Amino acid sequence: MPDSKANPEIYVSTDIEADGPIPGPHSMLSLASVAYDPDGQEMGSFSVNLETLEGAEAHPRMVEWWAQFPEAWAECRKDLVAPEPAMQAYADWIEALPGRAVFVGWPAGWDFMWVYWYLMRFTGRRPFHENALDIRTYAMALRRLEYRKSGKSYLPKRWFSEQRPHTHVALDDAREQGELFMHMLRENRRDET
């Protein structure tokens, strides 16, 4: 069994923005991750805005949704990078982390689907393997409540960072949810001792 001190888990809080419900017919617009060590210290971040996929189109409902957030839309359309070099750089960044990367998201099912598809399509690499931790599911287990009673409005205020609003800018949201997860993880570990 590998030594957890020599190969610690690195929690990679990740958020994506997209223009549709699934990758392929639609595009991932931006990707951001913030890495945390097991003690909750931020180790670094990665952020990139991507060019849309060739032949893909924005879903009409997502066009309407983005119209509500013009500042976030403008932010995710700056300094665009083609998907292949963007994902190569992202995989390199994850693999350079000093430990085993664990994808962390809210909802992990959504964000991980996009990240995994793009990584496989453009790099053929699996730096997370299939390790994806869903923060809401973690909250459900911590609080011993039903999943439907584990949304953000049900969570204790002490788990949230007051200075982190949800902006729909990928890097902001990755940091916001990363801090939320690390507060939960620290509290859970305190309860074990």
N, C-alpha and C. Protein backbone atom coordinates (compact mmCIF):
# COMPACT_ATOMS: atom_id res chain seq x y z
N MET A 1 0.85 -1.18 0.00
CA MET A 1 0.00 0.00 0.00
C MET A 1 0.90 1.24 0.00
N PRO A 2 0.66 2.22 -0.92
CA PRO A 2 1.53 3.39 -1.00
C PRO A 2 1.45 4.26 0.25
N ASP A 3 2.60 4.82 0.62
CA ASP A 3 2.68 5.72 1.77
C ASP A 3 1.98 7.03 1.45
N SER A 4 0.96 7.40 2.26
CA SER A 4 0.19 8.62 1.98
C SER A 4 1.00 9.88 2.21
N LYS A 5 2.07 9.79 3.01
CA LYS A 5 2.94 10.97 3.21
C LYS A 5 3.82 11.18 1.99
N ALA A 6 4.30 10.09 1.40
CA ALA A 6 5.17 10.18 0.22
C ALA A 6 4.37 10.52 -1.04
N ASN A 7 3.13 10.08 -1.08
CA ASN A 7 2.28 10.31 -2.25
C ASN A 7 0.90 10.80 -1.78
N PRO A 8 0.84 12.04 -1.25
CA PRO A 8 -0.42 12.54 -0.68
C PRO A 8 -1.47 12.78 -1.75
N GLU A 9 -2.71 12.74 -1.32
CA GLU A 9 -3.79 13.14 -2.22
C GLU A 9 -3.75 14.65 -2.38
N ILE A 10 -3.85 15.10 -3.62
CA ILE A 10 -3.96 16.52 -3.93
C ILE A 10 -5.37 16.72 -4.46
N TYR A 11 -6.13 17.58 -3.81
CA TYR A 11 -7.52 17.81 -4.17
C TYR A 11 -7.59 18.93 -5.21
N VAL A 12 -8.07 18.59 -6.39
CA VAL A 12 -8.06 19.52 -7.52
C VAL A 12 -9.50 19.97 -7.78
N SER A 13 -9.87 21.07 -7.15
CA SER A 13 -11.21 21.62 -7.32
C SER A 13 -11.31 22.21 -8.72
N THR A 14 -12.30 21.74 -9.47
CA THR A 14 -12.39 22.07 -10.90
C THR A 14 -13.78 22.54 -11.27
N ASP A 15 -13.80 23.57 -12.10
CA ASP A 15 -15.06 24.09 -12.63
C ASP A 15 -14.89 24.32 -14.12
N ILE A 16 -15.92 24.01 -14.87
CA ILE A 16 -15.91 24.30 -16.31
C ILE A 16 -17.14 25.13 -16.66
N GLU A 17 -17.03 25.81 -17.77
CA GLU A 17 -18.18 26.50 -18.35
C GLU A 17 -18.32 25.95 -19.76
N ALA A 18 -19.55 25.81 -20.22
CA ALA A 18 -19.81 25.19 -21.52
C ALA A 18 -20.96 25.89 -22.22
N ASP A 19 -21.14 25.53 -23.48
CA ASP A 19 -22.25 26.13 -24.25
C ASP A 19 -23.32 25.11 -24.62
N GLY A 20 -23.35 23.99 -23.91
CA GLY A 20 -24.36 22.98 -24.17
C GLY A 20 -24.31 21.90 -23.12
N PRO A 21 -25.19 20.89 -23.23
CA PRO A 21 -25.30 19.88 -22.19
C PRO A 21 -24.26 18.76 -22.25
N ILE A 22 -23.65 18.51 -23.41
CA ILE A 22 -22.68 17.42 -23.53
C ILE A 22 -21.52 17.84 -24.44
N PRO A 23 -20.33 17.26 -24.20
CA PRO A 23 -19.20 17.56 -25.07
C PRO A 23 -19.33 16.86 -26.42
N GLY A 24 -18.79 17.49 -27.43
CA GLY A 24 -18.83 16.95 -28.79
C GLY A 24 -19.72 17.81 -29.65
N PRO A 25 -21.04 17.67 -29.48
CA PRO A 25 -21.94 18.57 -30.22
C PRO A 25 -21.83 20.01 -29.72
N HIS A 26 -21.34 20.15 -28.47
CA HIS A 26 -21.18 21.46 -27.84
C HIS A 26 -19.76 21.57 -27.31
N SER A 27 -19.39 22.75 -26.85
CA SER A 27 -18.00 23.01 -26.49
C SER A 27 -17.83 23.42 -25.03
N MET A 28 -16.69 23.03 -24.47
CA MET A 28 -16.27 23.56 -23.19
C MET A 28 -15.65 24.93 -23.48
N LEU A 29 -16.11 25.94 -22.79
CA LEU A 29 -15.65 27.31 -23.03
C LEU A 29 -14.48 27.69 -22.14
N SER A 30 -14.51 27.24 -20.90
CA SER A 30 -13.40 27.53 -19.99
C SER A 30 -13.27 26.41 -18.98
N LEU A 31 -12.06 26.28 -18.47
CA LEU A 31 -11.69 25.23 -17.52
C LEU A 31 -10.76 25.86 -16.50
N ALA A 32 -11.03 25.59 -15.24
CA ALA A 32 -10.13 26.08 -14.20
C ALA A 32 -10.08 25.08 -13.06
N SER A 33 -8.90 24.97 -12.47
CA SER A 33 -8.69 24.10 -11.31
C SER A 33 -7.82 24.82 -10.30
N VAL A 34 -8.08 24.53 -9.03
CA VAL A 34 -7.25 25.00 -7.94
C VAL A 34 -6.86 23.76 -7.13
N ALA A 35 -5.55 23.57 -6.92
CA ALA A 35 -5.05 22.40 -6.21
C ALA A 35 -4.82 22.73 -4.74
N TYR A 36 -5.20 21.79 -3.87
CA TYR A 36 -5.04 21.93 -2.42
C TYR A 36 -4.30 20.73 -1.87
N ASP A 37 -3.39 20.98 -0.94
CA ASP A 37 -2.73 19.87 -0.27
C ASP A 37 -3.67 19.29 0.79
N PRO A 38 -3.31 18.17 1.42
CA PRO A 38 -4.21 17.55 2.39
C PRO A 38 -4.58 18.43 3.58
N ASP A 39 -3.77 19.48 3.85
CA ASP A 39 -4.08 20.40 4.94
C ASP A 39 -4.95 21.58 4.49
N GLY A 40 -5.26 21.64 3.21
CA GLY A 40 -6.12 22.70 2.70
C GLY A 40 -5.39 23.92 2.19
N GLN A 41 -4.07 23.83 2.06
CA GLN A 41 -3.31 24.96 1.54
C GLN A 41 -3.36 24.95 0.01
N GLU A 42 -3.64 26.11 -0.57
CA GLU A 42 -3.67 26.20 -2.03
C GLU A 42 -2.26 26.04 -2.57
N MET A 43 -2.11 25.15 -3.55
CA MET A 43 -0.81 24.83 -4.12
C MET A 43 -0.60 25.47 -5.49
N GLY A 44 -1.65 25.98 -6.08
CA GLY A 44 -1.54 26.56 -7.41
C GLY A 44 -2.85 26.43 -8.14
N SER A 45 -2.90 27.07 -9.29
CA SER A 45 -4.14 27.03 -10.07
C SER A 45 -3.81 26.97 -11.56
N PHE A 46 -4.81 26.57 -12.32
CA PHE A 46 -4.72 26.50 -13.78
C PHE A 46 -6.02 27.04 -14.32
N SER A 47 -5.94 27.86 -15.35
CA SER A 47 -7.16 28.42 -15.96
C SER A 47 -6.91 28.65 -17.44
N VAL A 48 -7.90 28.29 -18.25
CA VAL A 48 -7.78 28.50 -19.69
C VAL A 48 -9.17 28.66 -20.28
N ASN A 49 -9.26 29.54 -21.28
CA ASN A 49 -10.47 29.68 -22.09
C ASN A 49 -10.21 29.00 -23.42
N LEU A 50 -11.16 28.21 -23.87
CA LEU A 50 -10.95 27.38 -25.05
C LEU A 50 -11.73 27.88 -26.27
N GLU A 51 -11.12 27.69 -27.42
CA GLU A 51 -11.84 27.88 -28.67
C GLU A 51 -12.91 26.81 -28.75
N THR A 52 -13.98 27.10 -29.43
CA THR A 52 -15.05 26.10 -29.57
C THR A 52 -14.61 24.99 -30.52
N LEU A 53 -15.23 23.83 -30.37
CA LEU A 53 -14.92 22.68 -31.21
C LEU A 53 -15.38 22.92 -32.64
N GLU A 54 -14.60 22.43 -33.57
CA GLU A 54 -14.98 22.54 -34.98
C GLU A 54 -16.29 21.77 -35.22
N GLY A 55 -17.25 22.42 -35.82
CA GLY A 55 -18.53 21.80 -36.13
C GLY A 55 -19.53 21.79 -34.98
N ALA A 56 -19.11 22.22 -33.80
CA ALA A 56 -20.02 22.24 -32.64
C ALA A 56 -20.82 23.54 -32.65
N GLU A 57 -21.96 23.51 -31.99
CA GLU A 57 -22.82 24.70 -31.90
C GLU A 57 -23.31 24.87 -30.48
N ALA A 58 -23.53 26.10 -30.10
CA ALA A 58 -24.11 26.38 -28.78
C ALA A 58 -25.56 25.93 -28.76
N HIS A 59 -25.96 25.35 -27.65
CA HIS A 59 -27.35 24.95 -27.47
C HIS A 59 -28.19 26.20 -27.20
N PRO A 60 -29.38 26.32 -27.81
CA PRO A 60 -30.20 27.53 -27.62
C PRO A 60 -30.49 27.86 -26.16
N ARG A 61 -30.72 26.85 -25.32
CA ARG A 61 -30.98 27.13 -23.90
C ARG A 61 -29.75 27.71 -23.21
N MET A 62 -28.58 27.26 -23.62
CA MET A 62 -27.36 27.79 -23.01
C MET A 62 -27.09 29.22 -23.49
N VAL A 63 -27.46 29.51 -24.72
CA VAL A 63 -27.33 30.88 -25.22
C VAL A 63 -28.19 31.81 -24.35
N GLU A 64 -29.41 31.38 -24.06
CA GLU A 64 -30.30 32.16 -23.19
C GLU A 64 -29.72 32.29 -21.78
N TRP A 65 -29.17 31.19 -21.26
CA TRP A 65 -28.60 31.21 -19.91
C TRP A 65 -27.43 32.18 -19.85
N TRP A 66 -26.51 32.10 -20.81
CA TRP A 66 -25.35 32.99 -20.82
C TRP A 66 -25.75 34.46 -20.94
N ALA A 67 -26.86 34.74 -21.59
CA ALA A 67 -27.31 36.12 -21.74
C ALA A 67 -27.58 36.78 -20.38
N GLN A 68 -27.83 35.98 -19.35
CA GLN A 68 -28.05 36.51 -18.00
C GLN A 68 -26.75 36.91 -17.30
N PHE A 69 -25.61 36.47 -17.85
CA PHE A 69 -24.31 36.69 -17.20
C PHE A 69 -23.30 37.27 -18.20
N PRO A 70 -23.56 38.49 -18.69
CA PRO A 70 -22.68 39.04 -19.72
C PRO A 70 -21.23 39.23 -19.28
N GLU A 71 -21.00 39.54 -18.02
CA GLU A 71 -19.61 39.72 -17.55
C GLU A 71 -18.87 38.38 -17.55
N ALA A 72 -19.53 37.34 -17.08
CA ALA A 72 -18.91 36.02 -17.08
C ALA A 72 -18.69 35.53 -18.51
N TRP A 73 -19.65 35.80 -19.40
CA TRP A 73 -19.51 35.42 -20.81
C TRP A 73 -18.28 36.12 -21.41
N ALA A 74 -18.16 37.40 -21.18
CA ALA A 74 -17.01 38.15 -21.72
C ALA A 74 -15.70 37.58 -21.17
N GLU A 75 -15.71 37.22 -19.90
CA GLU A 75 -14.50 36.68 -19.26
C GLU A 75 -14.09 35.35 -19.90
N CYS A 76 -15.04 34.49 -20.22
CA CYS A 76 -14.69 33.16 -20.75
C CYS A 76 -14.40 33.19 -22.25
N ARG A 77 -14.54 34.34 -22.88
CA ARG A 77 -14.23 34.45 -24.31
C ARG A 77 -12.94 35.25 -24.56
N LYS A 78 -12.17 35.52 -23.51
CA LYS A 78 -10.89 36.23 -23.63
C LYS A 78 -9.76 35.24 -23.84
N ASP A 79 -8.75 35.65 -24.60
CA ASP A 79 -7.49 34.89 -24.71
C ASP A 79 -7.72 33.41 -25.00
N LEU A 80 -8.44 33.13 -26.06
CA LEU A 80 -8.82 31.75 -26.38
C LEU A 80 -7.62 30.92 -26.83
N VAL A 81 -7.63 29.65 -26.43
CA VAL A 81 -6.59 28.69 -26.79
C VAL A 81 -7.27 27.50 -27.45
N ALA A 82 -6.65 26.94 -28.48
CA ALA A 82 -7.19 25.75 -29.14
C ALA A 82 -7.25 24.60 -28.13
N PRO A 83 -8.24 23.71 -28.25
CA PRO A 83 -8.40 22.65 -27.26
C PRO A 83 -7.18 21.75 -27.06
N GLU A 84 -6.49 21.37 -28.13
CA GLU A 84 -5.38 20.43 -27.96
C GLU A 84 -4.25 21.00 -27.11
N PRO A 85 -3.68 22.17 -27.43
CA PRO A 85 -2.62 22.68 -26.55
C PRO A 85 -3.14 23.03 -25.15
N ALA A 86 -4.39 23.46 -25.05
CA ALA A 86 -4.95 23.78 -23.73
C ALA A 86 -5.00 22.54 -22.87
N MET A 87 -5.47 21.43 -23.41
CA MET A 87 -5.60 20.21 -22.62
C MET A 87 -4.24 19.55 -22.37
N GLN A 88 -3.31 19.68 -23.30
CA GLN A 88 -1.95 19.18 -23.06
C GLN A 88 -1.33 19.92 -21.87
N ALA A 89 -1.49 21.24 -21.86
CA ALA A 89 -0.95 22.04 -20.75
C ALA A 89 -1.63 21.67 -19.43
N TYR A 90 -2.93 21.42 -19.49
CA TYR A 90 -3.67 21.05 -18.28
C TYR A 90 -3.20 19.69 -17.76
N ALA A 91 -3.07 18.71 -18.63
CA ALA A 91 -2.60 17.38 -18.21
C ALA A 91 -1.20 17.48 -17.63
N ASP A 92 -0.33 18.28 -18.26
CA ASP A 92 1.02 18.47 -17.73
C ASP A 92 0.98 19.06 -16.32
N TRP A 93 0.10 20.05 -16.12
CA TRP A 93 -0.01 20.71 -14.82
C TRP A 93 -0.46 19.72 -13.75
N ILE A 94 -1.47 18.90 -14.06
CA ILE A 94 -1.96 17.92 -13.09
C ILE A 94 -0.87 16.91 -12.75
N GLU A 95 -0.21 16.41 -13.79
CA GLU A 95 0.80 15.38 -13.58
C GLU A 95 2.03 15.91 -12.83
N ALA A 96 2.23 17.20 -12.83
CA ALA A 96 3.36 17.80 -12.10
C ALA A 96 3.05 18.04 -10.63
N LEU A 97 1.79 17.87 -10.23
CA LEU A 97 1.45 18.06 -8.81
C LEU A 97 2.15 17.01 -7.97
N PRO A 98 2.59 17.35 -6.77
CA PRO A 98 3.39 16.43 -5.95
C PRO A 98 2.56 15.43 -5.16
N GLY A 99 1.73 14.67 -5.85
CA GLY A 99 0.90 13.68 -5.20
C GLY A 99 -0.13 13.14 -6.17
N ARG A 100 -1.07 12.38 -5.65
CA ARG A 100 -2.11 11.76 -6.46
C ARG A 100 -3.28 12.74 -6.61
N ALA A 101 -3.55 13.16 -7.82
CA ALA A 101 -4.60 14.14 -8.07
C ALA A 101 -5.99 13.50 -7.95
N VAL A 102 -6.84 14.14 -7.16
CA VAL A 102 -8.24 13.74 -7.02
C VAL A 102 -9.09 14.90 -7.52
N PHE A 103 -9.87 14.66 -8.55
CA PHE A 103 -10.78 15.66 -9.10
C PHE A 103 -11.88 15.93 -8.07
N VAL A 104 -12.17 17.20 -7.84
CA VAL A 104 -13.23 17.60 -6.90
C VAL A 104 -14.14 18.57 -7.61
N GLY A 105 -15.44 18.32 -7.61
CA GLY A 105 -16.37 19.22 -8.30
C GLY A 105 -17.74 19.26 -7.67
N TRP A 106 -18.50 20.27 -8.08
CA TRP A 106 -19.92 20.41 -7.68
C TRP A 106 -20.69 20.88 -8.89
N PRO A 107 -21.41 20.06 -9.59
CA PRO A 107 -21.49 18.62 -9.47
C PRO A 107 -20.36 17.94 -10.24
N ALA A 108 -19.73 16.97 -9.62
CA ALA A 108 -18.62 16.28 -10.26
C ALA A 108 -19.07 15.56 -11.53
N GLY A 109 -20.29 15.06 -11.54
CA GLY A 109 -20.79 14.36 -12.73
C GLY A 109 -20.78 15.24 -13.97
N TRP A 110 -21.05 16.51 -13.80
CA TRP A 110 -21.06 17.46 -14.92
C TRP A 110 -19.64 17.85 -15.33
N ASP A 111 -18.90 18.39 -14.39
CA ASP A 111 -17.57 18.91 -14.72
C ASP A 111 -16.62 17.80 -15.16
N PHE A 112 -16.65 16.65 -14.46
CA PHE A 112 -15.74 15.57 -14.80
C PHE A 112 -16.03 15.03 -16.20
N MET A 113 -17.30 14.94 -16.57
CA MET A 113 -17.66 14.46 -17.91
C MET A 113 -16.94 15.29 -18.97
N TRP A 114 -16.99 16.61 -18.84
CA TRP A 114 -16.35 17.49 -19.82
C TRP A 114 -14.84 17.35 -19.80
N VAL A 115 -14.26 17.40 -18.61
CA VAL A 115 -12.80 17.35 -18.50
C VAL A 115 -12.27 16.02 -19.02
N TYR A 116 -12.89 14.91 -18.63
CA TYR A 116 -12.44 13.59 -19.07
C TYR A 116 -12.55 13.46 -20.59
N TRP A 117 -13.68 13.89 -21.15
CA TRP A 117 -13.87 13.80 -22.60
C TRP A 117 -12.80 14.60 -23.33
N TYR A 118 -12.58 15.83 -22.89
CA TYR A 118 -11.58 16.68 -23.54
C TYR A 118 -10.17 16.11 -23.37
N LEU A 119 -9.83 15.61 -22.19
CA LEU A 119 -8.51 15.02 -21.99
C LEU A 119 -8.31 13.81 -22.91
N MET A 120 -9.28 12.93 -22.97
CA MET A 120 -9.14 11.74 -23.81
C MET A 120 -9.10 12.12 -25.29
N ARG A 121 -9.94 13.04 -25.69
CA ARG A 121 -10.01 13.44 -27.10
C ARG A 121 -8.73 14.15 -27.56
N PHE A 122 -8.17 15.01 -26.73
CA PHE A 122 -7.06 15.84 -27.17
C PHE A 122 -5.70 15.44 -26.63
N THR A 123 -5.65 14.56 -25.62
CA THR A 123 -4.34 14.15 -25.10
C THR A 123 -4.19 12.64 -25.01
N GLY A 124 -5.30 11.92 -24.88
CA GLY A 124 -5.22 10.47 -24.65
C GLY A 124 -4.71 10.12 -23.26
N ARG A 125 -4.65 11.10 -22.38
CA ARG A 125 -4.12 10.90 -21.03
C ARG A 125 -5.24 10.95 -19.99
N ARG A 126 -5.02 10.27 -18.87
CA ARG A 126 -6.01 10.20 -17.78
C ARG A 126 -5.35 10.58 -16.47
N PRO A 127 -4.95 11.84 -16.30
CA PRO A 127 -4.22 12.21 -15.08
C PRO A 127 -5.03 12.04 -13.79
N PHE A 128 -6.34 12.02 -13.89
CA PHE A 128 -7.18 11.77 -12.71
C PHE A 128 -7.57 10.29 -12.62
N HIS A 129 -7.21 9.51 -13.63
CA HIS A 129 -7.74 8.16 -13.79
C HIS A 129 -9.25 8.34 -13.85
N GLU A 130 -10.00 7.68 -13.00
CA GLU A 130 -11.45 7.95 -12.95
C GLU A 130 -11.84 8.45 -11.56
N ASN A 131 -10.93 9.10 -10.88
CA ASN A 131 -11.15 9.57 -9.51
C ASN A 131 -11.82 10.94 -9.51
N ALA A 132 -13.10 10.97 -9.18
CA ALA A 132 -13.85 12.23 -9.12
C ALA A 132 -14.69 12.23 -7.85
N LEU A 133 -14.48 13.22 -7.03
CA LEU A 133 -15.18 13.35 -5.76
C LEU A 133 -16.24 14.45 -5.89
N ASP A 134 -17.48 14.11 -5.58
CA ASP A 134 -18.58 15.06 -5.68
C ASP A 134 -18.81 15.70 -4.31
N ILE A 135 -18.72 17.02 -4.25
CA ILE A 135 -18.83 17.73 -2.97
C ILE A 135 -20.21 17.56 -2.34
N ARG A 136 -21.24 17.58 -3.14
CA ARG A 136 -22.59 17.44 -2.59
C ARG A 136 -22.78 16.05 -1.97
N THR A 137 -22.25 15.03 -2.60
CA THR A 137 -22.34 13.68 -2.05
C THR A 137 -21.56 13.60 -0.74
N TYR A 138 -20.40 14.27 -0.70
CA TYR A 138 -19.62 14.31 0.53
C TYR A 138 -20.43 15.00 1.64
N ALA A 139 -21.11 16.08 1.29
CA ALA A 139 -21.96 16.78 2.27
C ALA A 139 -23.08 15.87 2.77
N MET A 140 -23.67 15.12 1.87
CA MET A 140 -24.74 14.19 2.23
C MET A 140 -24.23 13.19 3.28
N ALA A 141 -23.05 12.64 3.04
CA ALA A 141 -22.49 11.66 3.96
C ALA A 141 -22.13 12.30 5.31
N LEU A 142 -21.52 13.50 5.26
CA LEU A 142 -21.15 14.18 6.50
C LEU A 142 -22.36 14.50 7.36
N ARG A 143 -23.41 14.94 6.72
CA ARG A 143 -24.58 15.40 7.46
C ARG A 143 -25.59 14.29 7.71
N ARG A 144 -25.39 13.16 7.07
CA ARG A 144 -26.29 12.01 7.21
C ARG A 144 -27.72 12.37 6.84
N LEU A 145 -27.81 13.08 5.71
CA LEU A 145 -29.11 13.50 5.20
C LEU A 145 -29.32 12.94 3.80
N GLU A 146 -30.54 13.09 3.30
CA GLU A 146 -30.81 12.70 1.93
C GLU A 146 -30.07 13.63 0.97
N TYR A 147 -29.82 13.13 -0.22
CA TYR A 147 -29.13 13.92 -1.24
C TYR A 147 -29.86 15.23 -1.51
N ARG A 148 -31.19 15.16 -1.60
CA ARG A 148 -31.97 16.36 -1.91
C ARG A 148 -31.88 17.41 -0.80
N LYS A 149 -31.46 17.01 0.40
CA LYS A 149 -31.30 17.95 1.50
C LYS A 149 -29.82 18.27 1.74
N SER A 150 -29.03 18.13 0.68
CA SER A 150 -27.59 18.37 0.79
C SER A 150 -27.12 19.45 -0.18
N GLY A 151 -28.05 20.22 -0.74
CA GLY A 151 -27.69 21.33 -1.60
C GLY A 151 -27.08 22.46 -0.79
N LYS A 152 -26.52 23.44 -1.47
CA LYS A 152 -25.80 24.52 -0.78
C LYS A 152 -26.68 25.27 0.22
N SER A 153 -27.96 25.41 -0.07
CA SER A 153 -28.83 26.15 0.85
C SER A 153 -29.04 25.42 2.18
N TYR A 154 -28.73 24.11 2.21
CA TYR A 154 -28.88 23.33 3.44
C TYR A 154 -27.60 23.25 4.26
N LEU A 155 -26.49 23.67 3.70
CA LEU A 155 -25.19 23.48 4.36
C LEU A 155 -24.93 24.56 5.40
N PRO A 156 -24.16 24.22 6.43
CA PRO A 156 -23.83 25.22 7.46
C PRO A 156 -23.00 26.37 6.88
N LYS A 157 -23.30 27.57 7.30
CA LYS A 157 -22.60 28.76 6.80
C LYS A 157 -21.10 28.71 7.09
N ARG A 158 -20.71 28.02 8.16
CA ARG A 158 -19.28 27.96 8.53
C ARG A 158 -18.43 27.26 7.46
N TRP A 159 -19.06 26.51 6.58
CA TRP A 159 -18.31 25.82 5.52
C TRP A 159 -17.98 26.74 4.34
N PHE A 160 -18.64 27.86 4.25
CA PHE A 160 -18.46 28.76 3.10
C PHE A 160 -17.49 29.88 3.41
N SER A 161 -16.77 30.32 2.40
CA SER A 161 -15.91 31.50 2.51
C SER A 161 -16.74 32.70 2.10
N GLU A 162 -16.92 33.63 3.01
CA GLU A 162 -17.79 34.78 2.74
C GLU A 162 -17.31 35.63 1.57
N GLN A 163 -16.00 35.68 1.34
CA GLN A 163 -15.47 36.55 0.29
C GLN A 163 -15.51 35.92 -1.09
N ARG A 164 -16.13 34.76 -1.25
CA ARG A 164 -16.13 34.06 -2.53
C ARG A 164 -17.54 33.95 -3.11
N PRO A 165 -17.98 34.92 -3.88
CA PRO A 165 -19.28 34.78 -4.54
C PRO A 165 -19.18 33.82 -5.72
N HIS A 166 -20.30 33.24 -6.11
CA HIS A 166 -20.36 32.36 -7.27
C HIS A 166 -20.56 33.25 -8.50
N THR A 167 -19.53 33.35 -9.35
CA THR A 167 -19.55 34.32 -10.45
C THR A 167 -19.79 33.73 -11.83
N HIS A 168 -19.72 32.40 -11.96
CA HIS A 168 -19.75 31.71 -13.26
C HIS A 168 -18.50 31.99 -14.08
N VAL A 169 -17.46 32.48 -13.42
CA VAL A 169 -16.12 32.53 -14.01
C VAL A 169 -15.41 31.31 -13.43
N ALA A 170 -14.90 30.45 -14.31
CA ALA A 170 -14.43 29.13 -13.88
C ALA A 170 -13.42 29.18 -12.73
N LEU A 171 -12.43 30.06 -12.78
CA LEU A 171 -11.41 30.09 -11.73
C LEU A 171 -12.02 30.55 -10.40
N ASP A 172 -12.89 31.54 -10.44
CA ASP A 172 -13.56 31.98 -9.21
C ASP A 172 -14.34 30.84 -8.58
N ASP A 173 -15.10 30.14 -9.41
CA ASP A 173 -15.97 29.08 -8.89
C ASP A 173 -15.18 27.86 -8.43
N ALA A 174 -14.07 27.55 -9.11
CA ALA A 174 -13.22 26.45 -8.67
C ALA A 174 -12.64 26.74 -7.29
N ARG A 175 -12.22 27.98 -7.07
CA ARG A 175 -11.66 28.36 -5.77
C ARG A 175 -12.76 28.37 -4.70
N GLU A 176 -13.93 28.89 -5.03
CA GLU A 176 -15.05 28.93 -4.08
C GLU A 176 -15.41 27.52 -3.61
N GLN A 177 -15.58 26.59 -4.55
CA GLN A 177 -15.99 25.24 -4.16
C GLN A 177 -14.82 24.47 -3.53
N GLY A 178 -13.59 24.80 -3.91
CA GLY A 178 -12.43 24.16 -3.28
C GLY A 178 -12.34 24.52 -1.81
N GLU A 179 -12.55 25.78 -1.49
CA GLU A 179 -12.53 26.21 -0.09
C GLU A 179 -13.67 25.56 0.69
N LEU A 180 -14.84 25.46 0.07
CA LEU A 180 -15.97 24.79 0.70
C LEU A 180 -15.59 23.34 1.03
N PHE A 181 -15.05 22.63 0.06
CA PHE A 181 -14.67 21.23 0.29
C PHE A 181 -13.61 21.12 1.38
N MET A 182 -12.62 21.97 1.36
CA MET A 182 -11.55 21.86 2.36
C MET A 182 -12.07 22.16 3.77
N HIS A 183 -13.02 23.08 3.91
CA HIS A 183 -13.65 23.31 5.22
C HIS A 183 -14.37 22.05 5.69
N MET A 184 -15.07 21.40 4.78
CA MET A 184 -15.78 20.17 5.13
C MET A 184 -14.81 19.06 5.51
N LEU A 185 -13.75 18.92 4.72
CA LEU A 185 -12.76 17.87 4.97
C LEU A 185 -12.07 18.07 6.32
N ARG A 186 -11.67 19.32 6.61
CA ARG A 186 -11.01 19.59 7.90
C ARG A 186 -11.95 19.28 9.07
N GLU A 187 -13.21 19.68 8.94
CA GLU A 187 -14.16 19.41 10.02
C GLU A 187 -14.37 17.91 10.20
N ASN A 188 -14.46 17.18 9.13
CA ASN A 188 -14.64 15.75 9.19
C ASN A 188 -13.44 15.08 9.86
N ARG A 189 -12.25 15.54 9.54
CA ARG A 189 -11.04 14.98 10.16
C ARG A 189 -10.94 15.32 11.64
N ARG A 190 -11.36 16.51 12.03
CA ARG A 190 -11.39 16.88 13.47
C ARG A 190 -12.33 15.96 14.23
N ASP A 191 -13.48 15.66 13.62
CA ASP A 191 -14.47 14.80 14.28
C ASP A 191 -13.96 13.39 14.48
N GLU A 192 -12.98 12.97 13.65
CA GLU A 192 -12.44 11.60 13.78
C GLU A 192 -11.48 11.48 14.95
N THR A 193 -10.87 12.60 15.37
CA THR A 193 -9.84 12.51 16.42
C THR A 193 -10.42 12.58 17.82
